[in-house]
């Protein structure tokens, strides 16, 4: 077992279901630890520790996938709250410029929607939605 963090501040875990990436950061810290969650959610592999310049964070939040710029191959967008600012942090995959004109369906897998696909009464009656 590996030590994740030894600070006494609150730890903020963020999980991106589409990429299997876990972000961990603690209150009062300037580091965002990036992990990959393996198959079956049984293995957590450390990828990198990302240092963020500026004030220590108070909190961190992940924005919905709709806010990502797919043409620049942005996979996640996170907001970092400090005592005086809210800073956006983008996670962008490196790709050749000539490939950025195409949609990367291997990167952008189907994601959950906030809009419901079926009313509760229809689900309870056994109706199926294609």
Foldseek 3Di string as FASTA:
>chain_A
DDDDDDDPFDKDWDADPLQQWIWIDGAQAQKIWIWHQDPPSPDTHTDDIDGHDDGGFHDKAWDDQVPDDQLQQWQTWMWTHHPPDTDIDTDHDDDDNVCSVDGDCVRDDDDDDPDDPDDPVCVVVPDDDD
